[in-house]
Amino acid sequence: MSDIQKDQEFLEYVVKTLVDNPQDVKVDRKVDEMGVLITLDVSPLDMGKVIGRQGNTAKAIRTLLRVVGMKNNARVNLKINEPEGSTRQPSTSATESVDQAMADLKF
């Protein structure tokens, strides 16, 4: 395995260590003029473990991947795919959330 693919190997190791279903972890690596894009797929049951509270785990993984990439003179970005059948709602603005909560309470 070349030095360039150490980022993919690193990500697989970290994520498989974090999750309950390591057999469902899939990592795809593409290189273009913008750098390296690593795409991660995990079981829907493990998505929370990979994202972490307020996205902190995902941010930490991205930071570490950038460090690994810098050692190999590559810009590395991570995309975490939404699992099939996910029930997560698209994010809405805080104002819309408050307005909806008020409407639900019928104020």
C-alpha atoms as a PDB file:
ATOM      1  CA  MET A   1       0.000   0.000   0.000  1.00  0.00           C
ATOM      2  CA  SER A   2       1.385   3.387  -0.965  1.00  0.00           C
ATOM      3  CA  ASP A   3       1.834   6.295   1.445  1.00  0.00           C
ATOM      4  CA  ILE A   4      -0.970   8.123  -0.318  1.00  0.00           C
ATOM      5  CA  GLN A   5      -3.570   5.520   0.723  1.00  0.00           C
ATOM      6  CA  LYS A   6      -2.656   5.669   4.407  1.00  0.00           C
ATOM      7  CA  ASP A   7      -5.488   8.178   4.870  1.00  0.00           C
ATOM      8  CA  GLN A   8      -8.031   5.558   3.776  1.00  0.00           C
ATOM      9  CA  GLU A   9      -6.424   2.870   5.939  1.00  0.00           C
ATOM     10  CA  PHE A  10      -6.393   5.253   8.930  1.00  0.00           C
ATOM     11  CA  LEU A  11     -10.077   6.165   8.500  1.00  0.00           C
ATOM     12  CA  GLU A  12     -11.138   2.517   8.202  1.00  0.00           C
ATOM     13  CA  TYR A  13      -9.234   1.621  11.374  1.00  0.00           C
ATOM     14  CA  VAL A  14     -10.663   4.515  13.428  1.00  0.00           C
ATOM     15  CA  VAL A  15     -14.274   4.093  12.287  1.00  0.00           C
ATOM     16  CA  LYS A  16     -14.297   0.293  12.607  1.00  0.00           C
ATOM     17  CA  THR A  17     -12.998   0.728  16.164  1.00  0.00           C
ATOM     18  CA  LEU A  18     -15.813   3.200  16.995  1.00  0.00           C
ATOM     19  CA  VAL A  19     -18.827   1.345  15.601  1.00  0.00           C
ATOM     20  CA  ASP A  20     -20.792  -1.755  16.628  1.00  0.00           C
ATOM     21  CA  ASN A  21     -21.093  -3.024  13.028  1.00  0.00           C
ATOM     22  CA  PRO A  22     -17.584  -2.778  11.528  1.00  0.00           C
ATOM     23  CA  GLN A  23     -18.555  -5.113   8.680  1.00  0.00           C
ATOM     24  CA  ASP A  24     -20.870  -2.358   7.367  1.00  0.00           C
ATOM     25  CA  VAL A  25     -18.107   0.268   7.131  1.00  0.00           C
ATOM     26  CA  LYS A  26     -17.283   1.170   3.526  1.00  0.00           C
ATOM     27  CA  VAL A  27     -14.648   3.699   2.542  1.00  0.00           C
ATOM     28  CA  ASP A  28     -14.221   5.016  -1.001  1.00  0.00           C
ATOM     29  CA  ARG A  29     -11.289   7.205  -2.036  1.00  0.00           C
ATOM     30  CA  LYS A  30     -11.170   9.485  -5.082  1.00  0.00           C
ATOM     31  CA  VAL A  31      -8.384  11.821  -6.159  1.00  0.00           C
ATOM     32  CA  ASP A  32      -8.880  14.850  -8.412  1.00  0.00           C
ATOM     33  CA  GLU A  33      -7.360  18.298  -8.935  1.00  0.00           C
ATOM     34  CA  MET A  34      -8.951  19.504  -5.668  1.00  0.00           C
ATOM     35  CA  GLY A  35      -7.295  16.788  -3.585  1.00  0.00           C
ATOM     36  CA  VAL A  36      -8.513  13.578  -1.986  1.00  0.00           C
ATOM     37  CA  LEU A  37     -12.179  12.938  -1.242  1.00  0.00           C
ATOM     38  CA  ILE A  38     -12.882  10.048   1.077  1.00  0.00           C
ATOM     39  CA  THR A  39     -16.502   8.932   1.290  1.00  0.00           C
ATOM     40  CA  LEU A  40     -17.667   6.994   4.337  1.00  0.00           C
ATOM     41  CA  ASP A  41     -20.712   4.722   4.627  1.00  0.00           C
ATOM     42  CA  VAL A  42     -21.734   3.134   7.941  1.00  0.00           C
ATOM     43  CA  SER A  43     -24.732   1.261   9.304  1.00  0.00           C
ATOM     44  CA  PRO A  44     -27.659   3.552  10.222  1.00  0.00           C
ATOM     45  CA  LEU A  45     -27.348   2.177  13.778  1.00  0.00           C
ATOM     46  CA  ASP A  46     -23.758   3.477  14.000  1.00  0.00           C
ATOM     47  CA  MET A  47     -24.264   6.919  12.482  1.00  0.00           C
ATOM     48  CA  GLY A  48     -24.556   8.605  15.880  1.00  0.00           C
ATOM     49  CA  LYS A  49     -21.249   7.134  17.008  1.00  0.00           C
ATOM     50  CA  VAL A  50     -19.454   8.455  13.931  1.00  0.00           C
ATOM     51  CA  ILE A  51     -21.028  11.919  14.110  1.00  0.00           C
ATOM     52  CA  GLY A  52     -20.863  12.320  17.894  1.00  0.00           C
ATOM     53  CA  ARG A  53     -22.476  14.991  20.024  1.00  0.00           C
ATOM     54  CA  GLN A  54     -22.874  18.194  18.023  1.00  0.00           C
ATOM     55  CA  GLY A  55     -20.684  16.628  15.333  1.00  0.00           C
ATOM     56  CA  ASN A  56     -17.585  16.614  17.532  1.00  0.00           C
ATOM     57  CA  THR A  57     -16.459  13.086  16.636  1.00  0.00           C
ATOM     58  CA  ALA A  58     -16.817  13.761  12.898  1.00  0.00           C
ATOM     59  CA  LYS A  59     -14.901  17.053  13.287  1.00  0.00           C
ATOM     60  CA  ALA A  60     -12.090  15.274  15.134  1.00  0.00           C
ATOM     61  CA  ILE A  61     -11.879  12.557  12.461  1.00  0.00           C
ATOM     62  CA  ARG A  62     -11.743  15.216   9.730  1.00  0.00           C
ATOM     63  CA  THR A  63      -8.979  17.074  11.562  1.00  0.00           C
ATOM     64  CA  LEU A  64      -6.914  13.908  11.955  1.00  0.00           C
ATOM     65  CA  LEU A  65      -7.432  13.030   8.279  1.00  0.00           C
ATOM     66  CA  ARG A  66      -6.141  16.463   7.276  1.00  0.00           C
ATOM     67  CA  VAL A  67      -3.029  15.879   9.396  1.00  0.00           C
ATOM     68  CA  VAL A  68      -2.457  12.498   7.732  1.00  0.00           C
ATOM     69  CA  GLY A  69      -2.951  14.185   4.355  1.00  0.00           C
ATOM     70  CA  MET A  70      -0.506  16.990   5.161  1.00  0.00           C
ATOM     71  CA  LYS A  71       2.179  14.403   5.898  1.00  0.00           C
ATOM     72  CA  ASN A  72       1.646  13.138   2.341  1.00  0.00           C
ATOM     73  CA  ASN A  73       1.265  16.611   0.765  1.00  0.00           C
ATOM     74  CA  ALA A  74      -2.413  15.993  -0.026  1.00  0.00           C
ATOM     75  CA  ARG A  75      -5.592  17.867   0.836  1.00  0.00           C
ATOM     76  CA  VAL A  76      -7.985  15.314   2.327  1.00  0.00           C
ATOM     77  CA  ASN A  77     -11.728  15.854   2.761  1.00  0.00           C
ATOM     78  CA  LEU A  78     -14.260  13.486   4.304  1.00  0.00           C
ATOM     79  CA  LYS A  79     -17.867  13.064   3.210  1.00  0.00           C
ATOM     80  CA  ILE A  80     -20.112  10.973   5.455  1.00  0.00           C
ATOM     81  CA  ASN A  81     -23.033   9.575   3.470  1.00  0.00           C
ATOM     82  CA  GLU A  82     -26.512   9.563   4.958  1.00  0.00           C
ATOM     83  CA  PRO A  83     -27.475   5.884   5.442  1.00  0.00           C
ATOM     84  CA  GLU A  84     -30.332   4.318   3.479  1.00  0.00           C
ATOM     85  CA  GLY A  85     -33.599   4.604   5.379  1.00  0.00           C
ATOM     86  CA  SER A  86     -32.352   7.381   7.640  1.00  0.00           C
ATOM     87  CA  THR A  87     -35.083   9.178   9.560  1.00  0.00           C
ATOM     88  CA  ARG A  88     -33.056  12.312  10.306  1.00  0.00           C
ATOM     89  CA  GLN A  89     -34.969  15.453   9.454  1.00  0.00           C
ATOM     90  CA  PRO A  90     -33.265  18.072   7.290  1.00  0.00           C
ATOM     91  CA  SER A  91     -31.964  20.894   9.430  1.00  0.00           C
ATOM     92  CA  THR A  92     -34.125  23.970   9.734  1.00  0.00           C
ATOM     93  CA  SER A  93     -33.290  27.405  11.004  1.00  0.00           C
ATOM     94  CA  ALA A  94     -33.786  28.172  14.698  1.00  0.00           C
ATOM     95  CA  THR A  95     -36.538  30.642  13.827  1.00  0.00           C
ATOM     96  CA  GLU A  96     -38.489  28.026  11.902  1.00  0.00           C
ATOM     97  CA  SER A  97     -38.090  25.583  14.799  1.00  0.00           C
ATOM     98  CA  VAL A  98     -39.367  28.121  17.320  1.00  0.00           C
ATOM     99  CA  ASP A  99     -42.244  29.107  15.017  1.00  0.00           C
ATOM    100  CA  GLN A 100     -43.191  25.432  14.592  1.00  0.00           C
ATOM    101  CA  ALA A 101     -42.986  24.815  18.363  1.00  0.00           C
ATOM    102  CA  MET A 102     -45.265  27.820  18.999  1.00  0.00           C
ATOM    103  CA  ALA A 103     -47.717  26.597  16.368  1.00  0.00           C
ATOM    104  CA  ASP A 104     -47.701  23.126  17.956  1.00  0.00           C
ATOM    105  CA  LEU A 105     -48.510  24.698  21.332  1.00  0.00           C
ATOM    106  CA  LYS A 106     -51.234  26.799  19.641  1.00  0.00           C
ATOM    107  CA  PHE A 107     -50.104  30.110  21.139  1.00  0.00           C
END
